[in-house]
Amino acid sequence: FLVELLNENKDRIELIVYGYAESAAIDVLYWFKGKIKILPGVIGMVHYGFFDVQIDERMKLKSKEDREIVKCKRKDKERSDEIAKAILTTDQFKKFQKGEDVYLDYEQMKNIFEK
């Protein structure tokens, strides 16, 4: 919803990134169709999201909510893979697929996202 709102107003909005842009912030930057400015020193980080669910000793998800979380996270993984593949180098993408946090320095952030 946030990205849709931003994109509906993309001609009037400039996203200015400072400090750290991690996790979901990378998603917003990737899907935003307007102007983005990356300030000097920005560091980015891409990783798979984490979530908590309860399982019993039989390795069964405890609740309907937990089952829905898992279903949604499968879709999130597809989206995360798409973004990571588009913005990371081959070596970075391999680390990402292993579940590692992958850091992007200022130059890489600027090259990927500044419009």
Protein backbone atom coordinates (compact mmCIF):
# COMPACT_ATOMS: atom_id res chain seq x y z
CA PHE A 1 0.00 0.00 0.00
CA LEU A 2 2.78 2.47 0.89
CA VAL A 3 4.56 2.06 -2.44
CA GLU A 4 1.27 2.45 -4.34
CA LEU A 5 0.61 5.69 -2.48
CA LEU A 6 4.12 6.96 -3.18
CA ASN A 7 3.91 6.01 -6.85
CA GLU A 8 0.55 7.76 -7.25
CA ASN A 9 2.36 10.93 -6.16
CA LYS A 10 5.78 10.20 -7.68
CA ASP A 11 5.93 13.54 -9.52
CA ARG A 12 5.60 15.40 -6.23
CA ILE A 13 7.81 13.19 -4.04
CA GLU A 14 11.56 12.71 -3.84
CA LEU A 15 12.78 9.99 -1.50
CA ILE A 16 15.95 11.08 0.28
CA VAL A 17 17.88 8.23 1.86
CA TYR A 18 20.34 8.79 4.70
CA GLY A 19 22.01 6.52 7.23
CA TYR A 20 20.87 2.96 6.67
CA ALA A 21 18.38 1.48 4.22
CA GLU A 22 17.72 -2.08 5.19
CA SER A 23 15.23 -4.85 4.66
CA ALA A 24 11.79 -3.46 3.73
CA ALA A 25 13.30 -0.05 2.95
CA ILE A 26 15.15 -1.68 0.05
CA ASP A 27 11.80 -2.99 -1.22
CA VAL A 28 10.33 0.52 -1.14
CA LEU A 29 13.30 1.97 -3.00
CA TYR A 30 13.17 -0.80 -5.60
CA TRP A 31 9.45 -0.44 -6.37
CA PHE A 32 9.27 3.37 -6.18
CA LYS A 33 9.05 4.92 -9.65
CA GLY A 34 9.94 8.48 -8.67
CA LYS A 35 13.12 10.37 -7.90
CA ILE A 36 15.48 8.95 -5.28
CA LYS A 37 18.48 10.71 -3.77
CA ILE A 38 21.07 8.67 -1.88
CA LEU A 39 23.04 10.85 0.54
CA PRO A 40 26.78 10.23 1.08
CA GLY A 41 27.59 7.45 3.51
CA VAL A 42 24.36 5.50 3.08
CA ILE A 43 24.69 1.78 3.67
CA GLY A 44 22.10 -0.70 2.45
CA MET A 45 21.38 -4.24 3.52
CA VAL A 46 19.38 -6.97 1.82
CA HIS A 47 18.30 -10.21 3.49
CA TYR A 48 15.48 -12.68 3.78
CA GLY A 49 12.91 -11.62 6.34
CA PHE A 50 12.47 -13.41 9.64
CA PHE A 51 9.25 -14.40 11.34
CA ASP A 52 8.16 -16.40 14.35
CA VAL A 53 5.69 -19.24 14.26
CA GLN A 54 4.86 -21.93 16.79
CA ILE A 55 5.23 -25.58 15.95
CA ASP A 56 4.43 -28.58 18.10
CA GLU A 57 6.60 -31.65 18.69
CA ARG A 58 5.16 -33.23 15.55
CA MET A 59 6.55 -30.26 13.57
CA LYS A 60 2.99 -29.08 12.84
CA LEU A 61 2.15 -25.39 12.79
CA LYS A 62 0.13 -24.57 15.88
CA SER A 63 -2.48 -22.18 14.52
CA LYS A 64 -4.25 -21.04 11.40
CA GLU A 65 -2.43 -17.72 11.78
CA ASP A 66 0.92 -19.51 11.67
CA ARG A 67 -0.14 -21.34 8.50
CA GLU A 68 -1.11 -18.04 6.89
CA ILE A 69 2.23 -16.49 7.89
CA VAL A 70 4.09 -19.33 6.19
CA LYS A 71 1.95 -18.99 3.06
CA CYS A 72 2.60 -15.23 2.90
CA LYS A 73 6.32 -15.68 3.53
CA ARG A 74 6.60 -17.99 0.54
CA LYS A 75 5.31 -15.13 -1.62
CA ASP A 76 7.62 -12.70 0.18
CA LYS A 77 10.57 -14.94 -0.67
CA GLU A 78 9.72 -14.82 -4.36
CA ARG A 79 9.57 -11.03 -4.19
CA SER A 80 12.82 -10.86 -2.20
CA ASP A 81 14.56 -13.10 -4.73
CA GLU A 82 13.36 -10.92 -7.59
CA ILE A 83 14.69 -7.75 -5.99
CA ALA A 84 17.97 -9.32 -4.88
CA LYS A 85 18.63 -10.80 -8.31
CA ALA A 86 18.02 -7.41 -9.92
CA ILE A 87 20.25 -5.34 -7.64
CA LEU A 88 23.02 -7.61 -6.34
CA THR A 89 26.18 -8.83 -7.99
CA THR A 90 26.41 -12.56 -8.67
CA ASP A 91 28.61 -13.13 -5.60
CA GLN A 92 26.30 -11.05 -3.41
CA PHE A 93 23.25 -12.94 -4.69
CA LYS A 94 24.87 -16.27 -3.77
CA LYS A 95 25.44 -15.01 -0.22
CA PHE A 96 21.88 -13.74 -0.09
CA GLN A 97 20.53 -17.15 -1.15
CA LYS A 98 22.52 -18.76 1.68
CA GLY A 99 20.59 -16.57 4.11
CA GLU A 100 23.35 -14.05 4.80
CA ASP A 101 22.85 -10.33 5.26
CA VAL A 102 24.33 -8.60 2.19
CA TYR A 103 25.57 -5.05 2.64
CA LEU A 104 25.63 -2.43 -0.11
CA ASP A 105 28.07 0.45 0.14
CA TYR A 106 27.25 4.03 -0.78
CA GLU A 107 28.44 3.75 -4.39
CA GLN A 108 26.42 0.62 -5.03
CA MET A 109 23.32 2.15 -3.42
CA LYS A 110 23.73 5.29 -5.54
CA ASN A 111 24.23 3.31 -8.74
CA ILE A 112 21.22 1.08 -8.10
CA PHE A 113 18.65 3.53 -6.80
CA GLU A 114 19.38 7.13 -7.74
CA LYS A 115 17.01 8.32 -10.44
